[in-house]
Amino acid sequence: MKKGFSLIEIILAVAIFALVASFFIFAFIESYKIHEKARDWRMATILAEEGIEAVRSIRDSNYDNIPSNQSYGLIMESEGWKLIKGYQEKINKFNRELMFDSDISSSKGIRVISIVSWRALDGLDQRIELYSLLTNWR
């Protein structure tokens, strides 16, 4: 009878261990997914902010060269940032484009929209948009 009881104890111990190990593995995987999602959103925000700052830099050098009502991408040249019409930047897994809208009735400026999109680990498409109003401050 003692042998049968030991076998039941072993089976029960293995089952409890498997259950606890499964919990920790699941928790680790979910933690990794949350970390990756947060990292992607942080990187997308940084890229969108960089797009706005690049357009501000272009505005500071020549406001009249800011386009309106079109989609553009950015490239870095030796002289600084340059807008390329119809170009969507690919930065690792992120895509960045800039939209310009001069039809703003409340001001005499140009609204720039920096859009960053990417595909997340779960396969869903993600997107962040940052807006800024540029005026000719000179």
C-alpha atoms as a PDB file:
ATOM      1  CA  MET A   1       0.000   0.000   0.000  1.00  0.00           C
ATOM      2  CA  LYS A   2       2.888   2.341   0.652  1.00  0.00           C
ATOM      3  CA  LYS A   3       4.104   1.981  -2.973  1.00  0.00           C
ATOM      4  CA  GLY A   4       0.736   3.037  -4.401  1.00  0.00           C
ATOM      5  CA  PHE A   5       0.591   6.028  -2.124  1.00  0.00           C
ATOM      6  CA  SER A   6       4.075   7.123  -3.267  1.00  0.00           C
ATOM      7  CA  LEU A   7       3.044   6.866  -6.907  1.00  0.00           C
ATOM      8  CA  ILE A   8       0.011   9.079  -6.282  1.00  0.00           C
ATOM      9  CA  GLU A   9       2.233  11.595  -4.470  1.00  0.00           C
ATOM     10  CA  ILE A  10       4.646  11.685  -7.418  1.00  0.00           C
ATOM     11  CA  ILE A  11       1.843  12.172  -9.948  1.00  0.00           C
ATOM     12  CA  LEU A  12       0.322  14.925  -7.812  1.00  0.00           C
ATOM     13  CA  ALA A  13       3.693  16.655  -7.348  1.00  0.00           C
ATOM     14  CA  VAL A  14       4.410  16.534 -11.098  1.00  0.00           C
ATOM     15  CA  ALA A  15       0.950  17.926 -11.853  1.00  0.00           C
ATOM     16  CA  ILE A  16       1.399  20.796  -9.375  1.00  0.00           C
ATOM     17  CA  PHE A  17       4.883  21.518 -10.738  1.00  0.00           C
ATOM     18  CA  ALA A  18       3.554  21.538 -14.326  1.00  0.00           C
ATOM     19  CA  LEU A  19       0.750  23.885 -13.331  1.00  0.00           C
ATOM     20  CA  VAL A  20       3.101  26.311 -11.560  1.00  0.00           C
ATOM     21  CA  ALA A  21       5.655  26.144 -14.394  1.00  0.00           C
ATOM     22  CA  SER A  22       2.904  26.811 -16.953  1.00  0.00           C
ATOM     23  CA  PHE A  23       1.795  29.863 -14.986  1.00  0.00           C
ATOM     24  CA  PHE A  24       5.323  31.299 -14.905  1.00  0.00           C
ATOM     25  CA  ILE A  25       5.897  30.603 -18.604  1.00  0.00           C
ATOM     26  CA  PHE A  26       2.582  32.257 -19.490  1.00  0.00           C
ATOM     27  CA  ALA A  27       3.410  35.246 -17.250  1.00  0.00           C
ATOM     28  CA  PHE A  28       6.844  35.595 -18.871  1.00  0.00           C
ATOM     29  CA  ILE A  29       5.407  35.480 -22.405  1.00  0.00           C
ATOM     30  CA  GLU A  30       2.704  38.044 -21.588  1.00  0.00           C
ATOM     31  CA  SER A  31       5.269  40.283 -19.887  1.00  0.00           C
ATOM     32  CA  TYR A  32       7.447  40.115 -23.000  1.00  0.00           C
ATOM     33  CA  LYS A  33       4.490  41.045 -25.236  1.00  0.00           C
ATOM     34  CA  ILE A  34       3.607  44.015 -23.022  1.00  0.00           C
ATOM     35  CA  HIS A  35       7.247  45.144 -23.013  1.00  0.00           C
ATOM     36  CA  GLU A  36       7.485  44.897 -26.813  1.00  0.00           C
ATOM     37  CA  LYS A  37       4.212  46.773 -27.271  1.00  0.00           C
ATOM     38  CA  ALA A  38       5.371  49.586 -24.973  1.00  0.00           C
ATOM     39  CA  ARG A  39       8.745  49.729 -26.748  1.00  0.00           C
ATOM     40  CA  ASP A  40       7.038  49.964 -30.149  1.00  0.00           C
ATOM     41  CA  TRP A  41       4.713  52.767 -29.001  1.00  0.00           C
ATOM     42  CA  ARG A  42       7.665  54.655 -27.477  1.00  0.00           C
ATOM     43  CA  MET A  43       9.708  54.280 -30.673  1.00  0.00           C
ATOM     44  CA  ALA A  44       6.752  55.318 -32.849  1.00  0.00           C
ATOM     45  CA  THR A  45       6.219  58.413 -30.698  1.00  0.00           C
ATOM     46  CA  ILE A  46       9.900  59.329 -30.978  1.00  0.00           C
ATOM     47  CA  LEU A  47       9.795  58.933 -34.776  1.00  0.00           C
ATOM     48  CA  ALA A  48       6.612  61.011 -35.043  1.00  0.00           C
ATOM     49  CA  GLU A  49       8.149  63.753 -32.873  1.00  0.00           C
ATOM     50  CA  GLU A  50      11.304  63.656 -34.986  1.00  0.00           C
ATOM     51  CA  GLY A  51       9.165  64.180 -38.094  1.00  0.00           C
ATOM     52  CA  ILE A  52       7.540  67.275 -36.566  1.00  0.00           C
ATOM     53  CA  GLU A  53      10.934  68.635 -35.469  1.00  0.00           C
ATOM     54  CA  ALA A  54      12.402  68.045 -38.938  1.00  0.00           C
ATOM     55  CA  VAL A  55       9.576  70.039 -40.519  1.00  0.00           C
ATOM     56  CA  ARG A  56      10.128  72.821 -37.955  1.00  0.00           C
ATOM     57  CA  SER A  57      13.772  72.871 -38.997  1.00  0.00           C
ATOM     58  CA  ILE A  58      12.758  73.178 -42.652  1.00  0.00           C
ATOM     59  CA  ARG A  59      10.289  75.919 -41.713  1.00  0.00           C
ATOM     60  CA  ASP A  60      12.989  77.835 -39.836  1.00  0.00           C
ATOM     61  CA  SER A  61      15.249  77.869 -42.883  1.00  0.00           C
ATOM     62  CA  ASN A  62      12.527  78.701 -45.421  1.00  0.00           C
ATOM     63  CA  TYR A  63       8.839  78.853 -44.510  1.00  0.00           C
ATOM     64  CA  ASP A  64       7.781  79.255 -48.139  1.00  0.00           C
ATOM     65  CA  ASN A  65       9.163  75.784 -48.949  1.00  0.00           C
ATOM     66  CA  ILE A  66       6.647  74.069 -46.670  1.00  0.00           C
ATOM     67  CA  PRO A  67       4.209  72.260 -48.976  1.00  0.00           C
ATOM     68  CA  SER A  68       0.498  72.093 -48.414  1.00  0.00           C
ATOM     69  CA  ASN A  69      -2.241  69.496 -48.836  1.00  0.00           C
ATOM     70  CA  GLN A  70       0.135  66.674 -49.763  1.00  0.00           C
ATOM     71  CA  SER A  71       1.917  63.642 -48.312  1.00  0.00           C
ATOM     72  CA  TYR A  72       5.711  63.639 -47.910  1.00  0.00           C
ATOM     73  CA  GLY A  73       8.555  61.635 -46.471  1.00  0.00           C
ATOM     74  CA  LEU A  74      11.842  62.820 -45.016  1.00  0.00           C
ATOM     75  CA  ILE A  75      15.424  62.113 -45.937  1.00  0.00           C
ATOM     76  CA  MET A  76      18.525  63.455 -44.218  1.00  0.00           C
ATOM     77  CA  GLU A  77      21.057  65.102 -46.489  1.00  0.00           C
ATOM     78  CA  SER A  78      24.295  66.901 -45.720  1.00  0.00           C
ATOM     79  CA  GLU A  79      22.447  70.250 -45.670  1.00  0.00           C
ATOM     80  CA  GLY A  80      19.725  68.927 -43.360  1.00  0.00           C
ATOM     81  CA  TRP A  81      16.274  67.429 -43.706  1.00  0.00           C
ATOM     82  CA  LYS A  82      14.585  67.317 -47.091  1.00  0.00           C
ATOM     83  CA  LEU A  83      10.940  66.564 -47.919  1.00  0.00           C
ATOM     84  CA  ILE A  84      10.235  64.062 -50.701  1.00  0.00           C
ATOM     85  CA  LYS A  85       6.760  64.117 -52.234  1.00  0.00           C
ATOM     86  CA  GLY A  86       4.875  60.809 -52.146  1.00  0.00           C
ATOM     87  CA  TYR A  87       7.660  59.081 -50.204  1.00  0.00           C
ATOM     88  CA  GLN A  88       6.939  56.999 -47.116  1.00  0.00           C
ATOM     89  CA  GLU A  89       9.981  56.384 -44.960  1.00  0.00           C
ATOM     90  CA  LYS A  90      10.710  52.844 -43.824  1.00  0.00           C
ATOM     91  CA  ILE A  91      12.586  52.848 -40.503  1.00  0.00           C
ATOM     92  CA  ASN A  92      13.039  49.248 -39.345  1.00  0.00           C
ATOM     93  CA  LYS A  93       9.452  48.033 -38.994  1.00  0.00           C
ATOM     94  CA  PHE A  94       8.002  51.545 -38.843  1.00  0.00           C
ATOM     95  CA  ASN A  95       6.649  53.663 -41.704  1.00  0.00           C
ATOM     96  CA  ARG A  96       6.589  57.449 -41.373  1.00  0.00           C
ATOM     97  CA  GLU A  97       4.847  59.983 -43.549  1.00  0.00           C
ATOM     98  CA  LEU A  98       4.046  63.650 -43.142  1.00  0.00           C
ATOM     99  CA  MET A  99       0.812  65.268 -44.215  1.00  0.00           C
ATOM    100  CA  PHE A 100       0.373  69.007 -44.606  1.00  0.00           C
ATOM    101  CA  ASP A 101      -2.888  70.915 -44.423  1.00  0.00           C
ATOM    102  CA  SER A 102      -3.024  74.649 -45.106  1.00  0.00           C
ATOM    103  CA  ASP A 103      -6.839  74.802 -45.018  1.00  0.00           C
ATOM    104  CA  ILE A 104      -7.094  75.783 -41.377  1.00  0.00           C
ATOM    105  CA  SER A 105      -9.714  78.473 -40.889  1.00  0.00           C
ATOM    106  CA  SER A 106      -8.657  79.405 -37.356  1.00  0.00           C
ATOM    107  CA  SER A 107      -5.108  80.475 -38.198  1.00  0.00           C
ATOM    108  CA  LYS A 108      -2.689  81.549 -40.869  1.00  0.00           C
ATOM    109  CA  GLY A 109      -0.503  78.494 -40.587  1.00  0.00           C
ATOM    110  CA  ILE A 110       0.091  75.029 -41.910  1.00  0.00           C
ATOM    111  CA  ARG A 111      -0.862  71.995 -39.878  1.00  0.00           C
ATOM    112  CA  VAL A 112       1.639  69.167 -40.085  1.00  0.00           C
ATOM    113  CA  ILE A 113       0.587  65.634 -39.220  1.00  0.00           C
ATOM    114  CA  SER A 114       3.349  63.128 -38.531  1.00  0.00           C
ATOM    115  CA  ILE A 115       2.012  59.597 -38.995  1.00  0.00           C
ATOM    116  CA  VAL A 116       3.924  56.504 -37.926  1.00  0.00           C
ATOM    117  CA  SER A 117       2.490  53.043 -38.577  1.00  0.00           C
ATOM    118  CA  TRP A 118       3.741  49.524 -37.925  1.00  0.00           C
ATOM    119  CA  ARG A 119       2.612  45.924 -37.485  1.00  0.00           C
ATOM    120  CA  ALA A 120       2.663  44.727 -33.877  1.00  0.00           C
ATOM    121  CA  LEU A 121       3.680  41.286 -32.609  1.00  0.00           C
ATOM    122  CA  ASP A 122       0.047  40.188 -32.580  1.00  0.00           C
ATOM    123  CA  GLY A 123      -0.222  41.006 -36.298  1.00  0.00           C
ATOM    124  CA  LEU A 124      -2.465  44.033 -35.821  1.00  0.00           C
ATOM    125  CA  ASP A 125      -1.640  47.281 -37.608  1.00  0.00           C
ATOM    126  CA  GLN A 126      -0.855  50.151 -35.241  1.00  0.00           C
ATOM    127  CA  ARG A 127      -0.722  53.870 -35.950  1.00  0.00           C
ATOM    128  CA  ILE A 128       0.152  57.050 -34.102  1.00  0.00           C
ATOM    129  CA  GLU A 129      -0.472  60.601 -35.326  1.00  0.00           C
ATOM    130  CA  LEU A 130       1.032  63.786 -33.915  1.00  0.00           C
ATOM    131  CA  TYR A 131      -0.203  67.220 -34.960  1.00  0.00           C
ATOM    132  CA  SER A 132       1.504  70.589 -34.891  1.00  0.00           C
ATOM    133  CA  LEU A 133       0.658  74.017 -36.259  1.00  0.00           C
ATOM    134  CA  LEU A 134       3.453  75.822 -38.088  1.00  0.00           C
ATOM    135  CA  THR A 135       3.314  79.558 -38.592  1.00  0.00           C
ATOM    136  CA  ASN A 136       5.663  82.011 -40.220  1.00  0.00           C
ATOM    137  CA  TRP A 137       7.063  83.415 -37.003  1.00  0.00           C
ATOM    138  CA  ARG A 138       9.620  85.680 -38.678  1.00  0.00           C
END
